PDB file of all heavy atoms in Angstrom:
ATOM      1  N   PRO A   1      18.792   4.906   7.183  1.00  0.00           N
ATOM      2  CA  PRO A   1      18.639   5.812   6.123  1.00  0.00           C
ATOM      3  C   PRO A   1      18.261   5.101   4.730  1.00  0.00           C
ATOM      4  O   PRO A   1      17.461   5.735   3.964  1.00  0.00           O
ATOM      5  CB  PRO A   1      20.017   6.624   5.948  1.00  0.00           C
ATOM      6  CG  PRO A   1      20.926   5.683   6.645  1.00  0.00           C
ATOM      7  CD  PRO A   1      20.191   5.058   7.811  1.00  0.00           C
ATOM      8  N   VAL A   2      18.701   3.910   4.666  1.00  0.00           N
ATOM      9  CA  VAL A   2      18.315   3.135   3.452  1.00  0.00           C
ATOM     10  C   VAL A   2      16.770   2.870   3.445  1.00  0.00           C
ATOM     11  O   VAL A   2      16.052   3.062   2.517  1.00  0.00           O
ATOM     12  CB  VAL A   2      19.103   1.817   3.244  1.00  0.00           C
ATOM     13  CG1 VAL A   2      18.564   0.978   2.142  1.00  0.00           C
ATOM     14  CG2 VAL A   2      20.579   2.166   3.096  1.00  0.00           C
ATOM     15  N   GLU A   3      16.338   2.458   4.648  1.00  0.00           N
ATOM     16  CA  GLU A   3      14.907   2.209   4.829  1.00  0.00           C
ATOM     17  C   GLU A   3      14.085   3.414   4.696  1.00  0.00           C
ATOM     18  O   GLU A   3      12.925   3.418   4.050  1.00  0.00           O
ATOM     19  CB  GLU A   3      14.618   1.545   6.159  1.00  0.00           C
ATOM     20  CG  GLU A   3      15.065   0.147   6.328  1.00  0.00           C
ATOM     21  CD  GLU A   3      14.784  -0.462   7.673  1.00  0.00           C
ATOM     22  OE1 GLU A   3      14.606   0.331   8.631  1.00  0.00           O
ATOM     23  OE2 GLU A   3      14.834  -1.681   7.780  1.00  0.00           O
ATOM     24  N   ALA A   4      14.573   4.622   5.087  1.00  0.00           N
ATOM     25  CA  ALA A   4      13.874   5.839   4.987  1.00  0.00           C
ATOM     26  C   ALA A   4      13.759   6.242   3.578  1.00  0.00           C
ATOM     27  O   ALA A   4      12.665   6.730   3.024  1.00  0.00           O
ATOM     28  CB  ALA A   4      14.562   6.964   5.774  1.00  0.00           C
ATOM     29  N   GLY A   5      14.796   6.042   2.773  1.00  0.00           N
ATOM     30  CA  GLY A   5      14.708   6.348   1.325  1.00  0.00           C
ATOM     31  C   GLY A   5      13.774   5.443   0.625  1.00  0.00           C
ATOM     32  O   GLY A   5      12.998   5.852  -0.289  1.00  0.00           O
ATOM     33  N   TRP A   6      13.868   4.157   0.958  1.00  0.00           N
ATOM     34  CA  TRP A   6      12.939   3.192   0.317  1.00  0.00           C
ATOM     35  C   TRP A   6      11.517   3.401   0.642  1.00  0.00           C
ATOM     36  O   TRP A   6      10.698   3.334  -0.299  1.00  0.00           O
ATOM     37  CB  TRP A   6      13.434   1.741   0.804  1.00  0.00           C
ATOM     38  CG  TRP A   6      12.437   0.653   0.437  1.00  0.00           C
ATOM     39  CD1 TRP A   6      11.826  -0.169   1.266  1.00  0.00           C
ATOM     40  CD2 TRP A   6      12.127   0.216  -0.859  1.00  0.00           C
ATOM     41  NE1 TRP A   6      11.120  -1.096   0.594  1.00  0.00           N
ATOM     42  CE2 TRP A   6      11.268  -0.905  -0.772  1.00  0.00           C
ATOM     43  CE3 TRP A   6      12.475   0.666  -2.176  1.00  0.00           C
ATOM     44  CZ2 TRP A   6      10.661  -1.553  -1.861  1.00  0.00           C
ATOM     45  CZ3 TRP A   6      11.875  -0.024  -3.324  1.00  0.00           C
ATOM     46  CH2 TRP A   6      11.030  -1.097  -3.129  1.00  0.00           C
ATOM     47  N   GLU A   7      11.200   3.715   1.903  1.00  0.00           N
ATOM     48  CA  GLU A   7       9.793   3.973   2.234  1.00  0.00           C
ATOM     49  C   GLU A   7       9.251   5.179   1.569  1.00  0.00           C
ATOM     50  O   GLU A   7       8.041   5.167   1.073  1.00  0.00           O
ATOM     51  CB  GLU A   7       9.664   4.140   3.784  1.00  0.00           C
ATOM     52  CG  GLU A   7       9.906   2.896   4.575  1.00  0.00           C
ATOM     53  CD  GLU A   7       8.904   1.731   4.220  1.00  0.00           C
ATOM     54  OE1 GLU A   7       7.758   2.027   3.995  1.00  0.00           O
ATOM     55  OE2 GLU A   7       9.358   0.546   4.109  1.00  0.00           O
ATOM     56  N   LEU A   8      10.054   6.237   1.395  1.00  0.00           N
ATOM     57  CA  LEU A   8       9.535   7.435   0.732  1.00  0.00           C
ATOM     58  C   LEU A   8       9.367   7.158  -0.764  1.00  0.00           C
ATOM     59  O   LEU A   8       8.348   7.580  -1.340  1.00  0.00           O
ATOM     60  CB  LEU A   8      10.546   8.591   0.886  1.00  0.00           C
ATOM     61  CG  LEU A   8      10.080   9.910   0.183  1.00  0.00           C
ATOM     62  CD1 LEU A   8       8.771  10.435   0.693  1.00  0.00           C
ATOM     63  CD2 LEU A   8      11.240  10.996   0.422  1.00  0.00           C
ATOM     64  N   PHE A   9      10.283   6.378  -1.383  1.00  0.00           N
ATOM     65  CA  PHE A   9      10.119   5.991  -2.735  1.00  0.00           C
ATOM     66  C   PHE A   9       8.841   5.299  -2.989  1.00  0.00           C
ATOM     67  O   PHE A   9       8.066   5.541  -3.941  1.00  0.00           O
ATOM     68  CB  PHE A   9      11.311   5.078  -3.136  1.00  0.00           C
ATOM     69  CG  PHE A   9      11.147   4.420  -4.495  1.00  0.00           C
ATOM     70  CD1 PHE A   9      11.508   5.040  -5.667  1.00  0.00           C
ATOM     71  CD2 PHE A   9      10.700   3.101  -4.524  1.00  0.00           C
ATOM     72  CE1 PHE A   9      11.332   4.353  -6.838  1.00  0.00           C
ATOM     73  CE2 PHE A   9      10.435   2.456  -5.765  1.00  0.00           C
ATOM     74  CZ  PHE A   9      10.859   3.099  -6.954  1.00  0.00           C
ATOM     75  N   LYS A  10       8.510   4.253  -2.110  1.00  0.00           N
ATOM     76  CA  LYS A  10       7.279   3.525  -2.273  1.00  0.00           C
ATOM     77  C   LYS A  10       6.061   4.428  -2.144  1.00  0.00           C
ATOM     78  O   LYS A  10       5.073   4.333  -2.852  1.00  0.00           O
ATOM     79  CB  LYS A  10       7.259   2.448  -1.244  1.00  0.00           C
ATOM     80  CG  LYS A  10       8.173   1.224  -1.506  1.00  0.00           C
ATOM     81  CD  LYS A  10       7.818   0.002  -0.591  1.00  0.00           C
ATOM     82  CE  LYS A  10       8.010   0.410   0.904  1.00  0.00           C
ATOM     83  NZ  LYS A  10       7.662  -0.669   1.792  1.00  0.00           N
ATOM     84  N   HIS A  11       6.138   5.339  -1.166  1.00  0.00           N
ATOM     85  CA  HIS A  11       5.013   6.211  -0.847  1.00  0.00           C
ATOM     86  C   HIS A  11       4.740   7.089  -2.162  1.00  0.00           C
ATOM     87  O   HIS A  11       3.560   7.310  -2.578  1.00  0.00           O
ATOM     88  CB  HIS A  11       5.251   7.052   0.356  1.00  0.00           C
ATOM     89  CG  HIS A  11       4.177   8.033   0.782  1.00  0.00           C
ATOM     90  ND1 HIS A  11       2.906   7.595   1.042  1.00  0.00           N
ATOM     91  CD2 HIS A  11       4.102   9.372   0.724  1.00  0.00           C
ATOM     92  CE1 HIS A  11       2.117   8.651   1.293  1.00  0.00           C
ATOM     93  NE2 HIS A  11       2.841   9.739   1.130  1.00  0.00           N
ATOM     94  N   GLN A  12       5.819   7.727  -2.636  1.00  0.00           N
ATOM     95  CA  GLN A  12       5.632   8.594  -3.810  1.00  0.00           C
ATOM     96  C   GLN A  12       5.139   7.807  -5.040  1.00  0.00           C
ATOM     97  O   GLN A  12       4.323   8.277  -5.865  1.00  0.00           O
ATOM     98  CB  GLN A  12       6.960   9.289  -4.167  1.00  0.00           C
ATOM     99  CG  GLN A  12       7.399  10.288  -3.105  1.00  0.00           C
ATOM    100  CD  GLN A  12       6.363  11.404  -2.907  1.00  0.00           C
ATOM    101  OE1 GLN A  12       5.640  11.853  -3.867  1.00  0.00           O
ATOM    102  NE2 GLN A  12       6.238  11.919  -1.677  1.00  0.00           N
ATOM    103  N   LEU A  13       5.618   6.578  -5.219  1.00  0.00           N
ATOM    104  CA  LEU A  13       5.157   5.734  -6.353  1.00  0.00           C
ATOM    105  C   LEU A  13       3.636   5.418  -6.130  1.00  0.00           C
ATOM    106  O   LEU A  13       2.977   5.401  -7.150  1.00  0.00           O
ATOM    107  CB  LEU A  13       5.996   4.464  -6.422  1.00  0.00           C
ATOM    108  CG  LEU A  13       5.746   3.535  -7.589  1.00  0.00           C
ATOM    109  CD1 LEU A  13       6.111   4.242  -8.913  1.00  0.00           C
ATOM    110  CD2 LEU A  13       6.540   2.250  -7.511  1.00  0.00           C
ATOM    111  N   HIS A  14       3.285   5.128  -4.956  1.00  0.00           N
ATOM    112  CA  HIS A  14       1.796   4.847  -4.714  1.00  0.00           C
ATOM    113  C   HIS A  14       0.994   6.123  -5.001  1.00  0.00           C
ATOM    114  O   HIS A  14      -0.080   5.980  -5.712  1.00  0.00           O
ATOM    115  CB  HIS A  14       1.681   4.466  -3.222  1.00  0.00           C
ATOM    116  CG  HIS A  14       0.179   4.330  -2.849  1.00  0.00           C
ATOM    117  ND1 HIS A  14      -0.605   3.323  -3.186  1.00  0.00           N
ATOM    118  CD2 HIS A  14      -0.569   5.216  -2.049  1.00  0.00           C
ATOM    119  CE1 HIS A  14      -1.874   3.490  -2.712  1.00  0.00           C
ATOM    120  NE2 HIS A  14      -1.854   4.643  -1.985  1.00  0.00           N
ATOM    121  N   LEU A  15       1.353   7.257  -4.546  1.00  0.00           N
ATOM    122  CA  LEU A  15       0.619   8.425  -4.840  1.00  0.00           C
ATOM    123  C   LEU A  15       0.589   8.758  -6.360  1.00  0.00           C
ATOM    124  O   LEU A  15      -0.534   9.042  -6.858  1.00  0.00           O
ATOM    125  CB  LEU A  15       1.249   9.673  -4.223  1.00  0.00           C
ATOM    126  CG  LEU A  15       1.172   9.721  -2.639  1.00  0.00           C
ATOM    127  CD1 LEU A  15       1.880  10.975  -2.119  1.00  0.00           C
ATOM    128  CD2 LEU A  15      -0.259   9.677  -2.173  1.00  0.00           C
ATOM    129  N   HIS A  16       1.650   8.526  -6.981  1.00  0.00           N
ATOM    130  CA  HIS A  16       1.775   8.786  -8.450  1.00  0.00           C
ATOM    131  C   HIS A  16       0.851   7.833  -9.252  1.00  0.00           C
ATOM    132  O   HIS A  16       0.012   8.171 -10.113  1.00  0.00           O
ATOM    133  CB  HIS A  16       3.193   8.630  -8.912  1.00  0.00           C
ATOM    134  CG  HIS A  16       3.498   8.963 -10.329  1.00  0.00           C
ATOM    135  ND1 HIS A  16       3.669  10.328 -10.697  1.00  0.00           N
ATOM    136  CD2 HIS A  16       3.617   8.228 -11.468  1.00  0.00           C
ATOM    137  CE1 HIS A  16       3.939  10.308 -11.980  1.00  0.00           C
ATOM    138  NE2 HIS A  16       3.861   9.141 -12.484  1.00  0.00           N
ATOM    139  N   HIS A  17       0.921   6.544  -8.906  1.00  0.00           N
ATOM    140  CA  HIS A  17       0.139   5.545  -9.675  1.00  0.00           C
ATOM    141  C   HIS A  17      -1.355   5.719  -9.306  1.00  0.00           C
ATOM    142  O   HIS A  17      -2.176   5.525 -10.195  1.00  0.00           O
ATOM    143  CB  HIS A  17       0.629   4.106  -9.398  1.00  0.00           C
ATOM    144  CG  HIS A  17       1.903   3.772 -10.074  1.00  0.00           C
ATOM    145  ND1 HIS A  17       2.486   2.612  -9.912  1.00  0.00           N
ATOM    146  CD2 HIS A  17       2.574   4.468 -11.058  1.00  0.00           C
ATOM    147  CE1 HIS A  17       3.552   2.518 -10.749  1.00  0.00           C
ATOM    148  NE2 HIS A  17       3.690   3.722 -11.349  1.00  0.00           N
ATOM    149  N   THR A  18      -1.637   6.030  -8.083  1.00  0.00           N
ATOM    150  CA  THR A  18      -3.064   6.139  -7.744  1.00  0.00           C
ATOM    151  C   THR A  18      -3.708   7.423  -8.421  1.00  0.00           C
ATOM    152  O   THR A  18      -4.793   7.345  -8.930  1.00  0.00           O
ATOM    153  CB  THR A  18      -3.229   6.370  -6.183  1.00  0.00           C
ATOM    154  OG1 THR A  18      -2.692   5.197  -5.509  1.00  0.00           O
ATOM    155  CG2 THR A  18      -4.659   6.580  -5.778  1.00  0.00           C
ATOM    156  N   ALA A  19      -2.940   8.449  -8.549  1.00  0.00           N
ATOM    157  CA  ALA A  19      -3.424   9.618  -9.223  1.00  0.00           C
ATOM    158  C   ALA A  19      -3.640   9.327 -10.718  1.00  0.00           C
ATOM    159  O   ALA A  19      -4.661   9.723 -11.273  1.00  0.00           O
ATOM    160  CB  ALA A  19      -2.378  10.833  -9.171  1.00  0.00           C
ATOM    161  N   GLU A  20      -2.786   8.524 -11.322  1.00  0.00           N
ATOM    162  CA  GLU A  20      -3.012   8.108 -12.734  1.00  0.00           C
ATOM    163  C   GLU A  20      -4.246   7.247 -12.883  1.00  0.00           C
ATOM    164  O   GLU A  20      -5.087   7.480 -13.739  1.00  0.00           O
ATOM    165  CB  GLU A  20      -1.744   7.406 -13.216  1.00  0.00           C
ATOM    166  CG  GLU A  20      -0.554   8.313 -13.440  1.00  0.00           C
ATOM    167  CD  GLU A  20       0.617   7.601 -13.831  1.00  0.00           C
ATOM    168  OE1 GLU A  20       0.769   6.353 -13.622  1.00  0.00           O
ATOM    169  OE2 GLU A  20       1.616   8.263 -14.436  1.00  0.00           O
ATOM    170  N   ASP A  21      -4.339   6.174 -12.003  1.00  0.00           N
ATOM    171  CA  ASP A  21      -5.380   5.235 -12.199  1.00  0.00           C
ATOM    172  C   ASP A  21      -6.815   5.775 -11.835  1.00  0.00           C
ATOM    173  O   ASP A  21      -7.821   5.434 -12.396  1.00  0.00           O
ATOM    174  CB  ASP A  21      -5.146   4.047 -11.272  1.00  0.00           C
ATOM    175  CG  ASP A  21      -4.040   3.187 -11.750  1.00  0.00           C
ATOM    176  OD1 ASP A  21      -3.643   3.291 -12.929  1.00  0.00           O
ATOM    177  OD2 ASP A  21      -3.428   2.360 -11.019  1.00  0.00           O
ATOM    178  N   GLU A  22      -6.871   6.733 -10.845  1.00  0.00           N
ATOM    179  CA  GLU A  22      -8.139   7.202 -10.329  1.00  0.00           C
ATOM    180  C   GLU A  22      -8.539   8.519 -10.833  1.00  0.00           C
ATOM    181  O   GLU A  22      -9.711   8.893 -10.713  1.00  0.00           O
ATOM    182  CB  GLU A  22      -8.088   7.202  -8.811  1.00  0.00           C
ATOM    183  CG  GLU A  22      -7.883   5.761  -8.250  1.00  0.00           C
ATOM    184  CD  GLU A  22      -8.038   5.742  -6.703  1.00  0.00           C
ATOM    185  OE1 GLU A  22      -8.293   6.845  -6.081  1.00  0.00           O
ATOM    186  OE2 GLU A  22      -7.800   4.650  -6.083  1.00  0.00           O
ATOM    187  N   ILE A  23      -7.599   9.347 -11.401  1.00  0.00           N
ATOM    188  CA  ILE A  23      -7.890  10.672 -11.811  1.00  0.00           C
ATOM    189  C   ILE A  23      -7.497  10.932 -13.309  1.00  0.00           C
ATOM    190  O   ILE A  23      -8.362  11.253 -14.097  1.00  0.00           O
ATOM    191  CB  ILE A  23      -7.192  11.771 -10.957  1.00  0.00           C
ATOM    192  CG1 ILE A  23      -7.724  11.685  -9.512  1.00  0.00           C
ATOM    193  CG2 ILE A  23      -7.439  13.196 -11.519  1.00  0.00           C
ATOM    194  CD1 ILE A  23      -7.072  12.637  -8.562  1.00  0.00           C
ATOM    195  N   ILE A  24      -6.241  10.637 -13.641  1.00  0.00           N
ATOM    196  CA  ILE A  24      -5.775  10.991 -14.999  1.00  0.00           C
ATOM    197  C   ILE A  24      -6.345  10.070 -16.084  1.00  0.00           C
ATOM    198  O   ILE A  24      -6.969  10.582 -17.040  1.00  0.00           O
ATOM    199  CB  ILE A  24      -4.193  11.012 -15.028  1.00  0.00           C
ATOM    200  CG1 ILE A  24      -3.679  12.056 -14.042  1.00  0.00           C
ATOM    201  CG2 ILE A  24      -3.783  11.293 -16.497  1.00  0.00           C
ATOM    202  CD1 ILE A  24      -2.147  12.082 -13.954  1.00  0.00           C
ATOM    203  N   TRP A  25      -6.161   8.806 -15.963  1.00  0.00           N
ATOM    204  CA  TRP A  25      -6.652   7.946 -17.058  1.00  0.00           C
ATOM    205  C   TRP A  25      -8.178   8.002 -17.117  1.00  0.00           C
ATOM    206  O   TRP A  25      -8.668   8.052 -18.328  1.00  0.00           O
ATOM    207  CB  TRP A  25      -6.134   6.522 -16.833  1.00  0.00           C
ATOM    208  CG  TRP A  25      -4.714   6.263 -16.596  1.00  0.00           C
ATOM    209  CD1 TRP A  25      -4.104   5.310 -15.820  1.00  0.00           C
ATOM    210  CD2 TRP A  25      -3.554   6.914 -17.238  1.00  0.00           C
ATOM    211  NE1 TRP A  25      -2.747   5.382 -15.846  1.00  0.00           N
ATOM    212  CE2 TRP A  25      -2.373   6.345 -16.722  1.00  0.00           C
ATOM    213  CE3 TRP A  25      -3.525   7.943 -18.134  1.00  0.00           C
ATOM    214  CZ2 TRP A  25      -1.131   6.808 -17.066  1.00  0.00           C
ATOM    215  CZ3 TRP A  25      -2.215   8.462 -18.524  1.00  0.00           C
ATOM    216  CH2 TRP A  25      -1.095   7.852 -17.982  1.00  0.00           C
ATOM    217  N   PRO A  26      -8.924   8.020 -16.033  1.00  0.00           N
ATOM    218  CA  PRO A  26     -10.392   8.191 -16.236  1.00  0.00           C
ATOM    219  C   PRO A  26     -10.868   9.435 -16.947  1.00  0.00           C
ATOM    220  O   PRO A  26     -11.901   9.436 -17.565  1.00  0.00           O
ATOM    221  CB  PRO A  26     -10.943   8.125 -14.797  1.00  0.00           C
ATOM    222  CG  PRO A  26      -9.921   7.332 -14.043  1.00  0.00           C
ATOM    223  CD  PRO A  26      -8.565   7.751 -14.610  1.00  0.00           C
ATOM    224  N   VAL A  27     -10.078  10.515 -16.830  1.00  0.00           N
ATOM    225  CA  VAL A  27     -10.414  11.735 -17.496  1.00  0.00           C
ATOM    226  C   VAL A  27     -10.116  11.564 -18.985  1.00  0.00           C
ATOM    227  O   VAL A  27     -10.884  12.081 -19.889  1.00  0.00           O
ATOM    228  CB  VAL A  27      -9.607  12.918 -16.918  1.00  0.00           C
ATOM    229  CG1 VAL A  27      -9.764  14.162 -17.889  1.00  0.00           C
ATOM    230  CG2 VAL A  27     -10.068  13.335 -15.555  1.00  0.00           C
ATOM    231  N   LEU A  28      -9.094  10.776 -19.345  1.00  0.00           N
ATOM    232  CA  LEU A  28      -8.739  10.692 -20.736  1.00  0.00           C
ATOM    233  C   LEU A  28      -9.694   9.662 -21.530  1.00  0.00           C
ATOM    234  O   LEU A  28      -9.966   9.851 -22.657  1.00  0.00           O
ATOM    235  CB  LEU A  28      -7.334  10.128 -20.914  1.00  0.00           C
ATOM    236  CG  LEU A  28      -6.215  11.043 -20.389  1.00  0.00           C
ATOM    237  CD1 LEU A  28      -4.847  10.398 -20.656  1.00  0.00           C
ATOM    238  CD2 LEU A  28      -6.297  12.411 -20.931  1.00  0.00           C
ATOM    239  N   ARG A  29     -10.218   8.638 -20.775  1.00  0.00           N
ATOM    240  CA  ARG A  29     -10.963   7.611 -21.445  1.00  0.00           C
ATOM    241  C   ARG A  29     -12.110   8.066 -22.308  1.00  0.00           C
ATOM    242  O   ARG A  29     -12.306   7.701 -23.416  1.00  0.00           O
ATOM    243  CB  ARG A  29     -11.388   6.547 -20.422  1.00  0.00           C
ATOM    244  CG  ARG A  29     -10.249   5.595 -20.032  1.00  0.00           C
ATOM    245  CD  ARG A  29     -10.734   4.434 -19.130  1.00  0.00           C
ATOM    246  NE  ARG A  29      -9.676   3.594 -18.730  1.00  0.00           N
ATOM    247  CZ  ARG A  29      -9.176   2.595 -19.522  1.00  0.00           C
ATOM    248  NH1 ARG A  29      -9.750   2.364 -20.638  1.00  0.00           N
ATOM    249  NH2 ARG A  29      -8.227   1.894 -19.008  1.00  0.00           N
ATOM    250  N   PRO A  30     -13.042   8.903 -21.753  1.00  0.00           N
ATOM    251  CA  PRO A  30     -14.172   9.353 -22.580  1.00  0.00           C
ATOM    252  C   PRO A  30     -13.748  10.203 -23.752  1.00  0.00           C
ATOM    253  O   PRO A  30     -14.421  10.145 -24.818  1.00  0.00           O
ATOM    254  CB  PRO A  30     -14.997  10.160 -21.640  1.00  0.00           C
ATOM    255  CG  PRO A  30     -14.130  10.501 -20.501  1.00  0.00           C
ATOM    256  CD  PRO A  30     -13.197   9.431 -20.369  1.00  0.00           C
ATOM    257  N   ARG A  31     -12.647  10.919 -23.615  1.00  0.00           N
ATOM    258  CA  ARG A  31     -12.139  11.750 -24.744  1.00  0.00           C
ATOM    259  C   ARG A  31     -11.580  10.914 -25.823  1.00  0.00           C
ATOM    260  O   ARG A  31     -11.470  11.308 -27.015  1.00  0.00           O
ATOM    261  CB  ARG A  31     -11.073  12.728 -24.265  1.00  0.00           C
ATOM    262  CG  ARG A  31     -11.630  13.696 -23.141  1.00  0.00           C
ATOM    263  CD  ARG A  31     -12.543  14.728 -23.776  1.00  0.00           C
ATOM    264  NE  ARG A  31     -12.933  15.739 -22.804  1.00  0.00           N
ATOM    265  CZ  ARG A  31     -12.318  16.887 -22.594  1.00  0.00           C
ATOM    266  NH1 ARG A  31     -11.256  17.167 -23.328  1.00  0.00           N
ATOM    267  NH2 ARG A  31     -12.787  17.671 -21.667  1.00  0.00           N
ATOM    268  N   LEU A  32     -11.053   9.718 -25.475  1.00  0.00           N
ATOM    269  CA  LEU A  32     -10.298   8.809 -26.404  1.00  0.00           C
ATOM    270  C   LEU A  32     -11.158   7.617 -26.800  1.00  0.00           C
ATOM    271  O   LEU A  32     -10.546   6.653 -27.242  1.00  0.00           O
ATOM    272  CB  LEU A  32      -9.000   8.448 -25.817  1.00  0.00           C
ATOM    273  CG  LEU A  32      -8.081   9.710 -25.553  1.00  0.00           C
ATOM    274  CD1 LEU A  32      -6.829   9.221 -24.778  1.00  0.00           C
ATOM    275  CD2 LEU A  32      -7.610  10.362 -26.873  1.00  0.00           C
ATOM    276  N   ALA A  33     -12.432   7.578 -26.423  1.00  0.00           N
ATOM    277  CA  ALA A  33     -13.209   6.399 -26.633  1.00  0.00           C
ATOM    278  C   ALA A  33     -13.327   5.973 -28.090  1.00  0.00           C
ATOM    279  O   ALA A  33     -13.594   4.770 -28.404  1.00  0.00           O
ATOM    280  CB  ALA A  33     -14.687   6.611 -26.121  1.00  0.00           C
ATOM    281  N   HIS A  34     -13.042   6.840 -28.950  1.00  0.00           N
ATOM    282  CA  HIS A  34     -13.104   6.533 -30.449  1.00  0.00           C
ATOM    283  C   HIS A  34     -11.841   5.798 -30.947  1.00  0.00           C
ATOM    284  O   HIS A  34     -11.863   5.223 -32.027  1.00  0.00           O
ATOM    285  CB  HIS A  34     -13.221   7.805 -31.208  1.00  0.00           C
ATOM    286  CG  HIS A  34     -12.078   8.721 -31.110  1.00  0.00           C
ATOM    287  ND1 HIS A  34     -11.855   9.533 -29.938  1.00  0.00           N
ATOM    288  CD2 HIS A  34     -10.932   8.939 -31.849  1.00  0.00           C
ATOM    289  CE1 HIS A  34     -10.739  10.182 -30.013  1.00  0.00           C
ATOM    290  NE2 HIS A  34     -10.114   9.839 -31.140  1.00  0.00           N
ATOM    291  N   SER A  35     -10.823   5.761 -30.068  1.00  0.00           N
ATOM    292  CA  SER A  35      -9.524   5.140 -30.398  1.00  0.00           C
ATOM    293  C   SER A  35      -9.255   3.840 -29.697  1.00  0.00           C
ATOM    294  O   SER A  35      -8.947   3.872 -28.524  1.00  0.00           O
ATOM    295  CB  SER A  35      -8.417   6.119 -30.202  1.00  0.00           C
ATOM    296  OG  SER A  35      -7.134   5.543 -30.390  1.00  0.00           O
ATOM    297  N   GLU A  36      -9.335   2.838 -30.402  1.00  0.00           N
ATOM    298  CA  GLU A  36      -9.096   1.394 -29.781  1.00  0.00           C
ATOM    299  C   GLU A  36      -7.596   1.360 -29.227  1.00  0.00           C
ATOM    300  O   GLU A  36      -7.311   0.914 -28.175  1.00  0.00           O
ATOM    301  CB  GLU A  36      -9.337   0.355 -30.721  1.00  0.00           C
ATOM    302  CG  GLU A  36      -9.133  -1.094 -30.197  1.00  0.00           C
ATOM    303  CD  GLU A  36      -9.554  -2.129 -31.180  1.00  0.00           C
ATOM    304  OE1 GLU A  36     -10.189  -1.897 -32.184  1.00  0.00           O
ATOM    305  OE2 GLU A  36      -9.123  -3.343 -30.913  1.00  0.00           O
ATOM    306  N   HIS A  37      -6.749   1.970 -30.057  1.00  0.00           N
ATOM    307  CA  HIS A  37      -5.245   1.981 -29.655  1.00  0.00           C
ATOM    308  C   HIS A  37      -5.037   2.756 -28.375  1.00  0.00           C
ATOM    309  O   HIS A  37      -4.358   2.294 -27.483  1.00  0.00           O
ATOM    310  CB  HIS A  37      -4.429   2.575 -30.795  1.00  0.00           C
ATOM    311  CG  HIS A  37      -3.001   2.821 -30.336  1.00  0.00           C
ATOM    312  ND1 HIS A  37      -2.121   1.792 -30.141  1.00  0.00           N
ATOM    313  CD2 HIS A  37      -2.299   3.951 -30.059  1.00  0.00           C
ATOM    314  CE1 HIS A  37      -0.926   2.260 -29.738  1.00  0.00           C
ATOM    315  NE2 HIS A  37      -1.103   3.609 -29.733  1.00  0.00           N
ATOM    316  N   ALA A  38      -5.720   3.941 -28.239  1.00  0.00           N
ATOM    317  CA  ALA A  38      -5.528   4.799 -27.109  1.00  0.00           C
ATOM    318  C   ALA A  38      -6.113   4.053 -25.829  1.00  0.00           C
ATOM    319  O   ALA A  38      -5.395   4.017 -24.816  1.00  0.00           O
ATOM    320  CB  ALA A  38      -6.198   6.066 -27.288  1.00  0.00           C
ATOM    321  N   LEU A  39      -7.200   3.413 -25.973  1.00  0.00           N
ATOM    322  CA  LEU A  39      -7.765   2.718 -24.782  1.00  0.00           C
ATOM    323  C   LEU A  39      -6.900   1.509 -24.485  1.00  0.00           C
ATOM    324  O   LEU A  39      -6.802   1.233 -23.268  1.00  0.00           O
ATOM    325  CB  LEU A  39      -9.209   2.277 -25.192  1.00  0.00           C
ATOM    326  CG  LEU A  39     -10.238   3.422 -25.384  1.00  0.00           C
ATOM    327  CD1 LEU A  39     -11.626   2.841 -25.657  1.00  0.00           C
ATOM    328  CD2 LEU A  39     -10.266   4.285 -24.131  1.00  0.00           C
ATOM    329  N   SER A  40      -6.299   0.823 -25.464  1.00  0.00           N
ATOM    330  CA  SER A  40      -5.424  -0.226 -25.093  1.00  0.00           C
ATOM    331  C   SER A  40      -4.195   0.254 -24.397  1.00  0.00           C
ATOM    332  O   SER A  40      -3.707  -0.523 -23.497  1.00  0.00           O
ATOM    333  CB  SER A  40      -5.066  -1.064 -26.363  1.00  0.00           C
ATOM    334  OG  SER A  40      -4.129  -0.265 -27.176  1.00  0.00           O
ATOM    335  N   VAL A  41      -3.684   1.424 -24.651  1.00  0.00           N
ATOM    336  CA  VAL A  41      -2.535   1.919 -23.969  1.00  0.00           C
ATOM    337  C   VAL A  41      -2.942   2.246 -22.561  1.00  0.00           C
ATOM    338  O   VAL A  41      -2.175   1.915 -21.617  1.00  0.00           O
ATOM    339  CB  VAL A  41      -2.032   3.241 -24.686  1.00  0.00           C
ATOM    340  CG1 VAL A  41      -1.081   3.952 -23.811  1.00  0.00           C
ATOM    341  CG2 VAL A  41      -1.427   2.938 -26.055  1.00  0.00           C
ATOM    342  N   LEU A  42      -4.092   2.849 -22.321  1.00  0.00           N
ATOM    343  CA  LEU A  42      -4.530   3.070 -20.969  1.00  0.00           C
ATOM    344  C   LEU A  42      -4.742   1.834 -20.139  1.00  0.00           C
ATOM    345  O   LEU A  42      -4.395   1.787 -18.935  1.00  0.00           O
ATOM    346  CB  LEU A  42      -5.820   3.944 -20.981  1.00  0.00           C
ATOM    347  CG  LEU A  42      -5.693   5.336 -21.594  1.00  0.00           C
ATOM    348  CD1 LEU A  42      -7.091   6.080 -21.588  1.00  0.00           C
ATOM    349  CD2 LEU A  42      -4.660   6.174 -20.944  1.00  0.00           C
TER     350      LEU A  42
END
């Protein structure tokens, strides 16, 4: 059960970070291109 919980945690983290890196942040970048601070955060 520990391994089952750990594997699911890793899987959900992978999905979450992939969605951010490949969908969410790329959508924000052109909208925030005028802000050096915003781009540095992304």
